[in-house]
C-alpha atoms as a PDB file:
ATOM      1  CA  MET A   1       0.128  -0.185   0.260  1.00  0.00           C
ATOM      2  CA  PRO A   2       2.471   2.453  -1.210  1.00  0.00           C
ATOM      3  CA  ASN A   3       0.004   5.369  -1.256  1.00  0.00           C
ATOM      4  CA  LEU A   4      -1.541   5.107   1.939  1.00  0.00           C
ATOM      5  CA  TYR A   5       1.437   5.126   3.417  1.00  0.00           C
ATOM      6  CA  SER A   6       3.446   7.719   1.951  1.00  0.00           C
ATOM      7  CA  THR A   7       0.590   9.894   2.815  1.00  0.00           C
ATOM      8  CA  CYS A   8       1.169   8.969   5.941  1.00  0.00           C
ATOM      9  CA  ARG A   9       4.435   8.595   6.587  1.00  0.00           C
ATOM     10  CA  THR A  10       4.795  11.348   9.091  1.00  0.00           C
ATOM     11  CA  GLY A  11       2.522  10.284  11.745  1.00  0.00           C
ATOM     12  CA  CYS A  12      -0.550   9.704  10.246  1.00  0.00           C
ATOM     13  CA  LEU A  13      -1.121   6.049  11.101  1.00  0.00           C
ATOM     14  CA  ALA A  14      -1.861   7.893  14.455  1.00  0.00           C
ATOM     15  CA  LEU A  15      -3.921  10.700  12.667  1.00  0.00           C
ATOM     16  CA  LEU A  16      -5.832   7.821  11.085  1.00  0.00           C
ATOM     17  CA  LEU A  17      -6.821   6.280  14.410  1.00  0.00           C
ATOM     18  CA  LEU A  18      -7.661   9.790  15.261  1.00  0.00           C
ATOM     19  CA  LEU A  19     -10.183  10.384  13.202  1.00  0.00           C
ATOM     20  CA  GLY A  20     -11.873   6.763  12.470  1.00  0.00           C
ATOM     21  CA  LEU A  21     -11.906   4.550  15.481  1.00  0.00           C
ATOM     22  CA  SER A  22     -13.185   5.299  19.095  1.00  0.00           C
ATOM     23  CA  GLY A  23     -14.262   2.886  20.756  1.00  0.00           C
ATOM     24  CA  ALA A  24     -17.506   4.514  20.992  1.00  0.00           C
ATOM     25  CA  ALA A  25     -17.876   4.753  17.241  1.00  0.00           C
ATOM     26  CA  LEU A  26     -16.776   1.277  16.960  1.00  0.00           C
ATOM     27  CA  GLY A  27     -19.592   0.397  18.945  1.00  0.00           C
ATOM     28  CA  GLN A  28     -17.773  -1.306  22.430  1.00  0.00           C
ATOM     29  CA  THR A  29     -18.836  -0.792  25.375  1.00  0.00           C
ATOM     30  CA  GLN A  30     -16.787   2.291  27.846  1.00  0.00           C
ATOM     31  CA  ALA A  31     -16.647   3.250  31.097  1.00  0.00           C
ATOM     32  CA  ALA A  32     -17.461   6.832  31.753  1.00  0.00           C
ATOM     33  CA  PRO A  33     -15.139   9.422  31.295  1.00  0.00           C
ATOM     34  CA  ASP A  34     -12.781  11.153  33.904  1.00  0.00           C
ATOM     35  CA  THR A  35     -14.603  14.839  33.436  1.00  0.00           C
ATOM     36  CA  ALA A  36     -11.992  15.917  35.899  1.00  0.00           C
ATOM     37  CA  SER A  37     -10.435  19.337  35.563  1.00  0.00           C
ATOM     38  CA  CYS A  38      -6.869  19.220  36.754  1.00  0.00           C
ATOM     39  CA  ASN A  39      -4.638  22.385  34.200  1.00  0.00           C
ATOM     40  CA  LYS A  40      -6.346  25.270  34.934  1.00  0.00           C
ATOM     41  CA  ILE A  41      -4.290  27.264  32.318  1.00  0.00           C
ATOM     42  CA  LYS A  42      -5.028  27.194  28.829  1.00  0.00           C
ATOM     43  CA  THR A  43      -1.737  25.629  26.776  1.00  0.00           C
ATOM     44  CA  LEU A  44      -1.024  22.042  24.706  1.00  0.00           C
ATOM     45  CA  LEU A  45       3.090  22.650  25.730  1.00  0.00           C
ATOM     46  CA  TRP A  46       4.383  21.587  29.354  1.00  0.00           C
ATOM     47  CA  ARG A  47       7.735  21.742  31.451  1.00  0.00           C
ATOM     48  CA  ILE A  48       8.043  18.746  33.611  1.00  0.00           C
ATOM     49  CA  SER A  49      11.087  18.985  36.011  1.00  0.00           C
ATOM     50  CA  GLY A  50      11.614  17.548  39.590  1.00  0.00           C
ATOM     51  CA  ALA A  51      15.080  16.786  41.503  1.00  0.00           C
ATOM     52  CA  GLY A  52      17.387  14.412  40.452  1.00  0.00           C
ATOM     53  CA  LEU A  53      16.389  15.115  36.646  1.00  0.00           C
ATOM     54  CA  PRO A  54      19.660  16.291  34.132  1.00  0.00           C
ATOM     55  CA  GLY A  55      17.335  18.841  32.884  1.00  0.00           C
ATOM     56  CA  PRO A  56      13.760  19.778  32.060  1.00  0.00           C
ATOM     57  CA  SER A  57      11.443  17.760  29.450  1.00  0.00           C
ATOM     58  CA  TYR A  58       8.663  18.642  27.467  1.00  0.00           C
ATOM     59  CA  VAL A  59       5.571  17.424  26.879  1.00  0.00           C
ATOM     60  CA  PHE A  60       3.234  18.747  23.931  1.00  0.00           C
ATOM     61  CA  GLY A  61       0.198  17.568  22.739  1.00  0.00           C
ATOM     62  CA  THR A  62      -0.633  17.313  18.816  1.00  0.00           C
ATOM     63  CA  MET A  63      -3.854  17.245  16.392  1.00  0.00           C
ATOM     64  CA  HIS A  64      -2.161  14.907  14.357  1.00  0.00           C
ATOM     65  CA  VAL A  65      -3.484  16.224  10.994  1.00  0.00           C
ATOM     66  CA  LEU A  66      -4.068  20.014  11.011  1.00  0.00           C
ATOM     67  CA  CYS A  67      -3.956  22.820   8.476  1.00  0.00           C
ATOM     68  CA  PRO A  68      -0.417  24.458   8.038  1.00  0.00           C
ATOM     69  CA  ASP A  69      -1.791  27.124   9.868  1.00  0.00           C
ATOM     70  CA  ASP A  70      -2.975  25.587  12.752  1.00  0.00           C
ATOM     71  CA  ALA A  71       0.411  23.393  13.110  1.00  0.00           C
ATOM     72  CA  THR A  72       3.455  26.147  14.053  1.00  0.00           C
ATOM     73  CA  VAL A  73       6.766  25.550  15.539  1.00  0.00           C
ATOM     74  CA  PRO A  74       6.415  28.845  17.851  1.00  0.00           C
ATOM     75  CA  PRO A  75       9.676  30.329  19.026  1.00  0.00           C
ATOM     76  CA  GLU A  76       9.442  29.073  22.765  1.00  0.00           C
ATOM     77  CA  MET A  77       8.771  25.884  21.264  1.00  0.00           C
ATOM     78  CA  GLU A  78      11.386  25.477  19.127  1.00  0.00           C
ATOM     79  CA  ALA A  79      13.830  26.574  22.264  1.00  0.00           C
ATOM     80  CA  ALA A  80      12.270  23.636  24.409  1.00  0.00           C
ATOM     81  CA  PHE A  81      12.882  20.944  21.548  1.00  0.00           C
ATOM     82  CA  ARG A  82      16.251  22.259  20.842  1.00  0.00           C
ATOM     83  CA  SER A  83      17.091  21.936  25.275  1.00  0.00           C
ATOM     84  CA  SER A  84      15.562  18.448  24.587  1.00  0.00           C
ATOM     85  CA  GLY A  85      18.217  15.345  23.917  1.00  0.00           C
ATOM     86  CA  GLN A  86      15.894  13.612  22.255  1.00  0.00           C
ATOM     87  CA  LEU A  87      12.741  12.862  20.300  1.00  0.00           C
ATOM     88  CA  VAL A  88       9.616  10.472  22.188  1.00  0.00           C
ATOM     89  CA  LEU A  89       6.370  10.097  19.443  1.00  0.00           C
ATOM     90  CA  GLU A  90       3.830   7.522  19.771  1.00  0.00           C
ATOM     91  CA  LEU A  91       5.045   5.512  17.126  1.00  0.00           C
ATOM     92  CA  ASP A  92       9.686   5.715  16.027  1.00  0.00           C
ATOM     93  CA  LEU A  93       8.641   7.043  12.852  1.00  0.00           C
ATOM     94  CA  ASP A  94      11.924   7.050  11.396  1.00  0.00           C
ATOM     95  CA  ASP A  95      12.485   3.337  11.695  1.00  0.00           C
ATOM     96  CA  PRO A  96      13.831   1.969   8.911  1.00  0.00           C
ATOM     97  CA  ALA A  97      11.339  -0.654   9.375  1.00  0.00           C
ATOM     98  CA  MET A  98       8.485   1.214   9.817  1.00  0.00           C
ATOM     99  CA  GLY A  99       7.227   1.413   6.237  1.00  0.00           C
ATOM    100  CA  LYS A 100       6.969  -2.544   6.149  1.00  0.00           C
ATOM    101  CA  GLN A 101       5.566  -3.177   9.537  1.00  0.00           C
ATOM    102  CA  PHE A 102       2.516  -0.457   8.259  1.00  0.00           C
ATOM    103  CA  ARG A 103       1.830  -2.006   5.422  1.00  0.00           C
ATOM    104  CA  ARG A 104       1.894  -5.761   7.357  1.00  0.00           C
ATOM    105  CA  ALA A 105      -0.873  -3.865   9.585  1.00  0.00           C
ATOM    106  CA  ALA A 106      -2.620  -2.426   7.179  1.00  0.00           C
ATOM    107  CA  GLN A 107      -3.041  -5.301   4.991  1.00  0.00           C
ATOM    108  CA  LEU A 108      -6.175  -7.253   4.556  1.00  0.00           C
ATOM    109  CA  PRO A 109      -5.578 -10.929   5.102  1.00  0.00           C
ATOM    110  CA  TRP A 110      -6.137 -13.311   2.240  1.00  0.00           C
ATOM    111  CA  PRO A 111      -8.914 -13.458   0.921  1.00  0.00           C
ATOM    112  CA  ASN A 112     -10.414 -10.398   2.355  1.00  0.00           C
ATOM    113  CA  SER A 113     -10.703  -7.313   0.190  1.00  0.00           C
ATOM    114  CA  LEU A 114     -12.951  -4.431   0.555  1.00  0.00           C
ATOM    115  CA  ARG A 115     -14.754  -5.232  -2.988  1.00  0.00           C
ATOM    116  CA  ARG A 116     -15.663  -9.169  -1.001  1.00  0.00           C
ATOM    117  CA  LEU A 117     -16.544  -7.369   1.472  1.00  0.00           C
ATOM    118  CA  LEU A 118     -19.322  -4.905   0.088  1.00  0.00           C
ATOM    119  CA  LYS A 119     -22.405  -5.055  -1.838  1.00  0.00           C
ATOM    120  CA  PRO A 120     -21.531  -4.041  -5.201  1.00  0.00           C
ATOM    121  CA  ARG A 121     -23.287  -0.771  -5.101  1.00  0.00           C
ATOM    122  CA  ASP A 122     -21.814  -0.095  -2.457  1.00  0.00           C
ATOM    123  CA  PHE A 123     -18.306  -0.682  -3.171  1.00  0.00           C
ATOM    124  CA  LYS A 124     -19.615   1.848  -6.288  1.00  0.00           C
ATOM    125  CA  VAL A 125     -20.743   4.333  -3.573  1.00  0.00           C
ATOM    126  CA  VAL A 126     -17.267   4.256  -2.072  1.00  0.00           C
ATOM    127  CA  LYS A 127     -15.084   4.106  -5.988  1.00  0.00           C
ATOM    128  CA  LYS A 128     -17.410   7.070  -7.208  1.00  0.00           C
ATOM    129  CA  PHE A 129     -16.092   9.120  -4.040  1.00  0.00           C
ATOM    130  CA  PHE A 130     -12.537   8.169  -4.249  1.00  0.00           C
ATOM    131  CA  ARG A 131     -12.612   8.970  -7.774  1.00  0.00           C
ATOM    132  CA  GLN A 132     -14.453  12.588  -7.188  1.00  0.00           C
ATOM    133  CA  GLN A 133     -13.998  13.700  -3.816  1.00  0.00           C
ATOM    134  CA  LEU A 134     -10.077  12.305  -2.930  1.00  0.00           C
ATOM    135  CA  HIS A 135      -9.140  12.615  -6.983  1.00  0.00           C
ATOM    136  CA  HIS A 136      -7.754   8.950  -6.159  1.00  0.00           C
ATOM    137  CA  SER A 137      -8.597   5.563  -7.458  1.00  0.00           C
ATOM    138  CA  ILE A 138     -10.194   2.882  -5.090  1.00  0.00           C
ATOM    139  CA  LEU A 139      -7.496   0.473  -6.316  1.00  0.00           C
ATOM    140  CA  PRO A 140      -4.717   0.717  -3.818  1.00  0.00           C
ATOM    141  CA  TYR A 141      -7.289   0.457  -1.004  1.00  0.00           C
ATOM    142  CA  VAL A 142      -8.736  -2.589  -2.041  1.00  0.00           C
ATOM    143  CA  LEU A 143      -6.684  -4.083   0.295  1.00  0.00           C
ATOM    144  CA  VAL A 144      -6.233  -2.027   3.096  1.00  0.00           C
ATOM    145  CA  LYS A 145      -8.158  -2.630   6.243  1.00  0.00           C
ATOM    146  CA  PRO A 146     -11.431  -0.782   5.935  1.00  0.00           C
ATOM    147  CA  ALA A 147     -10.705   1.660   9.341  1.00  0.00           C
ATOM    148  CA  LEU A 148      -7.677   3.104   7.987  1.00  0.00           C
ATOM    149  CA  THR A 149      -9.478   4.101   4.903  1.00  0.00           C
ATOM    150  CA  GLU A 150     -12.264   5.891   6.443  1.00  0.00           C
ATOM    151  CA  ALA A 151      -9.839   7.782   8.489  1.00  0.00           C
ATOM    152  CA  LEU A 152      -8.767   9.257   4.509  1.00  0.00           C
ATOM    153  CA  VAL A 153     -12.644  10.359   4.151  1.00  0.00           C
ATOM    154  CA  TYR A 154     -12.331  12.667   7.427  1.00  0.00           C
ATOM    155  CA  SER A 155      -9.128  14.217   6.806  1.00  0.00           C
ATOM    156  CA  ALA A 156     -10.858  15.135   2.772  1.00  0.00           C
ATOM    157  CA  ALA A 157     -12.972  17.472   5.067  1.00  0.00           C
ATOM    158  CA  LEU A 158      -9.839  19.721   5.842  1.00  0.00           C
ATOM    159  CA  PRO A 159      -9.943  23.223   3.597  1.00  0.00           C
ATOM    160  CA  CYS A 160      -6.352  22.442   2.953  1.00  0.00           C
ATOM    161  CA  THR A 161      -3.377  20.271   2.130  1.00  0.00           C
ATOM    162  CA  PRO A 162      -3.136  18.239   5.653  1.00  0.00           C
ATOM    163  CA  VAL A 163       0.264  18.579   7.666  1.00  0.00           C
ATOM    164  CA  SER A 164       0.969  17.041  11.035  1.00  0.00           C
ATOM    165  CA  TYR A 165       3.601  18.073  13.924  1.00  0.00           C
ATOM    166  CA  GLU A 166       4.942  15.002  13.851  1.00  0.00           C
ATOM    167  CA  GLY A 167       6.370  15.422  10.773  1.00  0.00           C
ATOM    168  CA  LYS A 168       7.332  18.763  11.486  1.00  0.00           C
ATOM    169  CA  PHE A 169       9.276  17.051  14.683  1.00  0.00           C
ATOM    170  CA  LEU A 170      10.853  14.484  12.899  1.00  0.00           C
ATOM    171  CA  GLU A 171      12.335  17.499  10.428  1.00  0.00           C
ATOM    172  CA  LEU A 172      13.865  19.274  13.715  1.00  0.00           C
ATOM    173  CA  ALA A 173      15.536  15.944  14.711  1.00  0.00           C
ATOM    174  CA  LYS A 174      17.343  15.155  11.915  1.00  0.00           C
ATOM    175  CA  ALA A 175      18.424  18.964  11.662  1.00  0.00           C
ATOM    176  CA  GLN A 176      19.465  18.795  15.045  1.00  0.00           C
ATOM    177  CA  GLN A 177      21.095  14.943  15.069  1.00  0.00           C
ATOM    178  CA  LYS A 178      18.528  13.622  18.124  1.00  0.00           C
ATOM    179  CA  GLU A 179      17.527  10.585  18.421  1.00  0.00           C
ATOM    180  CA  VAL A 180      13.415   9.280  18.258  1.00  0.00           C
ATOM    181  CA  LEU A 181      11.850   6.925  19.690  1.00  0.00           C
ATOM    182  CA  GLY A 182       8.070   5.793  20.561  1.00  0.00           C
ATOM    183  CA  LEU A 183       6.087   5.007  23.214  1.00  0.00           C
ATOM    184  CA  GLU A 184       4.135   2.298  21.886  1.00  0.00           C
ATOM    185  CA  THR A 185       4.322  -0.045  18.103  1.00  0.00           C
ATOM    186  CA  ILE A 186       1.838  -0.268  15.381  1.00  0.00           C
ATOM    187  CA  GLU A 187       0.329  -3.814  16.709  1.00  0.00           C
ATOM    188  CA  GLN A 188      -0.117  -1.015  20.163  1.00  0.00           C
ATOM    189  CA  GLN A 189      -2.121   1.424  18.329  1.00  0.00           C
ATOM    190  CA  LEU A 190      -4.404  -0.977  16.294  1.00  0.00           C
ATOM    191  CA  VAL A 191      -5.456  -2.880  18.922  1.00  0.00           C
ATOM    192  CA  SER A 192      -9.163  -1.243  18.869  1.00  0.00           C
ATOM    193  CA  MET A 193      -9.558  -1.757  15.413  1.00  0.00           C
ATOM    194  CA  GLN A 194      -8.124  -5.283  15.439  1.00  0.00           C
ATOM    195  CA  GLN A 195     -11.356  -6.222  17.713  1.00  0.00           C
ATOM    196  CA  VAL A 196     -13.668  -5.267  14.718  1.00  0.00           C
ATOM    197  CA  PRO A 197     -14.974  -7.288  12.075  1.00  0.00           C
ATOM    198  CA  TYR A 198     -13.857  -6.461   8.536  1.00  0.00           C
ATOM    199  CA  ARG A 199     -17.770  -6.256   7.855  1.00  0.00           C
ATOM    200  CA  LYS A 200     -18.599  -3.713   9.892  1.00  0.00           C
ATOM    201  CA  GLN A 201     -15.275  -1.594   9.023  1.00  0.00           C
ATOM    202  CA  ALA A 202     -16.660  -1.631   5.462  1.00  0.00           C
ATOM    203  CA  ALA A 203     -20.052  -0.824   6.251  1.00  0.00           C
ATOM    204  CA  ASP A 204     -18.546   2.203   8.373  1.00  0.00           C
ATOM    205  CA  LEU A 205     -16.531   2.957   5.747  1.00  0.00           C
ATOM    206  CA  VAL A 206     -19.360   3.405   3.573  1.00  0.00           C
ATOM    207  CA  GLU A 207     -21.527   5.379   6.041  1.00  0.00           C
ATOM    208  CA  ALA A 208     -19.110   7.850   6.593  1.00  0.00           C
ATOM    209  CA  ILE A 209     -19.499   8.853   2.893  1.00  0.00           C
ATOM    210  CA  ARG A 210     -22.419   8.869   3.111  1.00  0.00           C
ATOM    211  CA  THR A 211     -23.034  10.915   5.641  1.00  0.00           C
ATOM    212  CA  TYR A 212     -20.105  13.009   4.045  1.00  0.00           C
ATOM    213  CA  ASP A 213     -21.556  16.379   3.960  1.00  0.00           C
ATOM    214  CA  SER A 214     -21.448  15.851   7.960  1.00  0.00           C
ATOM    215  CA  ILE A 215     -17.942  15.613   8.499  1.00  0.00           C
ATOM    216  CA  PRO A 216     -16.829  19.561   8.083  1.00  0.00           C
ATOM    217  CA  ARG A 217     -18.418  20.647   9.836  1.00  0.00           C
ATOM    218  CA  LEU A 218     -17.137  17.899  12.901  1.00  0.00           C
ATOM    219  CA  MET A 219     -13.848  18.477  11.413  1.00  0.00           C
ATOM    220  CA  GLN A 220     -13.970  21.684  12.329  1.00  0.00           C
ATOM    221  CA  HIS A 221     -15.330  21.871  15.779  1.00  0.00           C
ATOM    222  CA  LEU A 222     -11.815  19.678  16.406  1.00  0.00           C
ATOM    223  CA  VAL A 223      -9.848  22.160  15.360  1.00  0.00           C
ATOM    224  CA  VAL A 224     -11.723  24.645  16.815  1.00  0.00           C
ATOM    225  CA  THR A 225     -11.212  22.923  20.316  1.00  0.00           C
ATOM    226  CA  TYR A 226      -8.103  22.422  19.360  1.00  0.00           C
ATOM    227  CA  ARG A 227      -6.898  26.012  19.327  1.00  0.00           C
ATOM    228  CA  GLY A 228      -8.216  26.692  22.716  1.00  0.00           C
ATOM    229  CA  ARG A 229      -5.350  24.938  23.583  1.00  0.00           C
ATOM    230  CA  ASP A 230      -7.477  23.183  26.557  1.00  0.00           C
ATOM    231  CA  VAL A 231      -6.474  19.469  27.072  1.00  0.00           C
ATOM    232  CA  ASP A 232      -9.157  18.705  29.725  1.00  0.00           C
ATOM    233  CA  GLU A 233     -11.219  19.639  27.225  1.00  0.00           C
ATOM    234  CA  LEU A 234      -9.811  18.597  24.106  1.00  0.00           C
ATOM    235  CA  TYR A 235      -9.643  14.754  26.440  1.00  0.00           C
ATOM    236  CA  ARG A 236     -13.706  15.285  27.098  1.00  0.00           C
ATOM    237  CA  LEU A 237     -14.050  15.775  23.702  1.00  0.00           C
ATOM    238  CA  SER A 238     -11.605  12.936  22.273  1.00  0.00           C
ATOM    239  CA  VAL A 239     -14.276  10.655  23.711  1.00  0.00           C
ATOM    240  CA  ASP A 240     -17.531  11.664  23.023  1.00  0.00           C
ATOM    241  CA  PRO A 241     -19.103   9.276  20.543  1.00  0.00           C
ATOM    242  CA  LYS A 242     -20.250  12.024  18.092  1.00  0.00           C
ATOM    243  CA  TYR A 243     -16.754  12.656  17.014  1.00  0.00           C
ATOM    244  CA  GLY A 244     -14.816   9.403  17.620  1.00  0.00           C
ATOM    245  CA  SER A 245     -11.586  11.431  17.680  1.00  0.00           C
ATOM    246  CA  GLU A 246      -9.429   8.975  19.954  1.00  0.00           C
ATOM    247  CA  ASN A 247      -8.620   5.340  18.623  1.00  0.00           C
ATOM    248  CA  ASP A 248     -10.015   3.841  21.994  1.00  0.00           C
ATOM    249  CA  GLY A 249     -12.496   4.968  24.524  1.00  0.00           C
ATOM    250  CA  PRO A 250     -12.082   5.912  28.680  1.00  0.00           C
ATOM    251  CA  ALA A 251     -10.842   2.652  29.474  1.00  0.00           C
ATOM    252  CA  GLU A 252      -8.473   1.554  27.189  1.00  0.00           C
ATOM    253  CA  LEU A 253      -7.204   5.494  27.042  1.00  0.00           C
ATOM    254  CA  GLN A 254      -6.558   5.695  30.352  1.00  0.00           C
ATOM    255  CA  ALA A 255      -4.766   1.985  30.431  1.00  0.00           C
ATOM    256  CA  ARG A 256      -2.483   3.110  27.829  1.00  0.00           C
ATOM    257  CA  ASN A 257      -1.578   6.460  29.024  1.00  0.00           C
ATOM    258  CA  GLN A 258      -0.606   4.631  32.193  1.00  0.00           C
ATOM    259  CA  ASP A 259       1.352   2.329  30.607  1.00  0.00           C
ATOM    260  CA  TRP A 260       3.783   5.172  29.258  1.00  0.00           C
ATOM    261  CA  ILE A 261       4.289   6.909  32.750  1.00  0.00           C
ATOM    262  CA  PRO A 262       7.454   4.421  33.254  1.00  0.00           C
ATOM    263  CA  LYS A 263       8.791   5.196  29.826  1.00  0.00           C
ATOM    264  CA  MET A 264       8.658   8.437  30.471  1.00  0.00           C
ATOM    265  CA  SER A 265      10.002   8.660  33.543  1.00  0.00           C
ATOM    266  CA  ALA A 266      12.576   6.414  32.540  1.00  0.00           C
ATOM    267  CA  TRP A 267      13.241   8.510  29.584  1.00  0.00           C
ATOM    268  CA  ILE A 268      13.251  11.700  31.497  1.00  0.00           C
ATOM    269  CA  LYS A 269      15.932  10.243  34.091  1.00  0.00           C
ATOM    270  CA  SER A 270      18.544  10.073  31.524  1.00  0.00           C
ATOM    271  CA  LYS A 271      18.839  12.971  29.390  1.00  0.00           C
ATOM    272  CA  PRO A 272      16.220  16.188  28.478  1.00  0.00           C
ATOM    273  CA  THR A 273      13.495  14.689  26.612  1.00  0.00           C
ATOM    274  CA  PHE A 274      10.351  16.371  24.181  1.00  0.00           C
ATOM    275  CA  PHE A 275       6.873  13.853  23.817  1.00  0.00           C
ATOM    276  CA  ALA A 276       4.743  14.895  21.384  1.00  0.00           C
ATOM    277  CA  VAL A 277       1.406  12.941  21.876  1.00  0.00           C
ATOM    278  CA  GLY A 278      -1.777  13.322  20.822  1.00  0.00           C
ATOM    279  CA  ALA A 279      -3.371  16.036  22.991  1.00  0.00           C
ATOM    280  CA  ALA A 280      -5.965  13.704  24.522  1.00  0.00           C
ATOM    281  CA  HIS A 281      -4.250  12.199  26.445  1.00  0.00           C
ATOM    282  CA  LEU A 282      -2.842  15.221  28.248  1.00  0.00           C
ATOM    283  CA  GLY A 283      -6.269  16.329  30.113  1.00  0.00           C
ATOM    284  CA  GLY A 284      -8.193  15.025  32.670  1.00  0.00           C
ATOM    285  CA  GLY A 285      -7.663  12.810  36.153  1.00  0.00           C
ATOM    286  CA  THR A 286      -6.433   9.865  34.327  1.00  0.00           C
ATOM    287  CA  GLY A 287      -4.055  11.819  31.812  1.00  0.00           C
ATOM    288  CA  VAL A 288      -0.256  12.028  31.041  1.00  0.00           C
ATOM    289  CA  LEU A 289      -0.244  15.375  32.863  1.00  0.00           C
ATOM    290  CA  GLN A 290      -2.090  13.939  36.248  1.00  0.00           C
ATOM    291  CA  LEU A 291      -0.061  11.074  36.333  1.00  0.00           C
ATOM    292  CA  LEU A 292       3.211  12.943  36.251  1.00  0.00           C
ATOM    293  CA  ARG A 293       2.548  14.766  38.770  1.00  0.00           C
ATOM    294  CA  GLN A 294       1.263  11.552  40.729  1.00  0.00           C
ATOM    295  CA  GLN A 295       5.094  10.383  40.247  1.00  0.00           C
ATOM    296  CA  GLY A 296       6.544  13.321  41.986  1.00  0.00           C
ATOM    297  CA  TYR A 297       7.371  15.627  38.976  1.00  0.00           C
ATOM    298  CA  GLN A 298       6.506  18.994  38.675  1.00  0.00           C
ATOM    299  CA  ILE A 299       4.510  19.887  35.899  1.00  0.00           C
ATOM    300  CA  GLU A 300       4.422  23.623  34.043  1.00  0.00           C
ATOM    301  CA  PRO A 301       2.558  25.277  31.521  1.00  0.00           C
ATOM    302  CA  VAL A 302       4.888  26.993  28.840  1.00  0.00           C
ATOM    303  CA  LEU A 303       2.713  29.269  26.802  1.00  0.00           C
ATOM    304  CA  LEU A 304       2.682  29.796  23.353  1.00  0.00           C
ATOM    305  CA  PRO A 305       1.879  32.597  20.842  1.00  0.00           C
ATOM    306  CA  THR A 306      -2.014  32.535  19.010  1.00  0.00           C
ATOM    307  CA  ALA A 307      -1.619  29.784  16.365  1.00  0.00           C
ATOM    308  CA  SER A 308      -1.473  32.436  13.437  1.00  0.00           C
ATOM    309  CA  ALA A 309       1.826  33.253  14.369  1.00  0.00           C
ATOM    310  CA  LYS A 310       4.668  32.889  11.948  1.00  0.00           C
ATOM    311  CA  SER A 311       6.774  29.193  12.745  1.00  0.00           C
ATOM    312  CA  ALA A 312      10.538  29.698  14.216  1.00  0.00           C
ATOM    313  CA  GLU A 313      12.771  28.601  11.263  1.00  0.00           C
END
């Protein structure tokens, strides 16, 4: 699936899950979200400090797909990045094996295909949408798991050619010769999707296309909320079934956050580290920021200029 992977080379696997696969949207039974407001200051960048650390580390909340004007790197963020010794993303996106791993994880197992999973009239709906709205042939995606293909429907609703913060951070890491690490594997990120039958994934893809007229409004609300930089509100929105804006529901999101904390703690004890993860992971009483506080670290907001500010060169 070279076209799908090249489209998503910089952080887009998380984007695909962000846009298409919340546990609530997949019809799973989920625990009620923790709606506590633990972060009064509205910012996406937070400093981590504490006794025994070699220097401050930082954690930044991303939205995995944005228009260029909303994905700026202002001087405050660039300075935090430059002072860090390594970059940690949800996935190690500069791993040379990432392309092969992605293709293996994304491919439908034989003898499945999108054409086999859909009725002929529904396959025509998908084929027409790809040709008219995405200006792509459906053929490269026939053997891709439909839940991943569905995310392209959502990304098409943005009024621009999307970019990702992950891509920008990878470029900075390369220029500054910083190591890039990942909190999870592709298989871990896809765990929710793997529980959904392929026929249901295919049906959800068709439904997203049939209701496409409503998607731009939902996407715009997600972007406006992200611009507001309230990480607690972003968490609440991420587990709202109406948006399906994370790849899992409250219980699974909490479990992932808790799994990350020992890894984050080990990295920041070794050297100052810049973390960039989906903003939904930061907020709430079970979010990364609160869990780090419970470990005894000092978490301080780093205020950023408005998104319209020019990015640092």
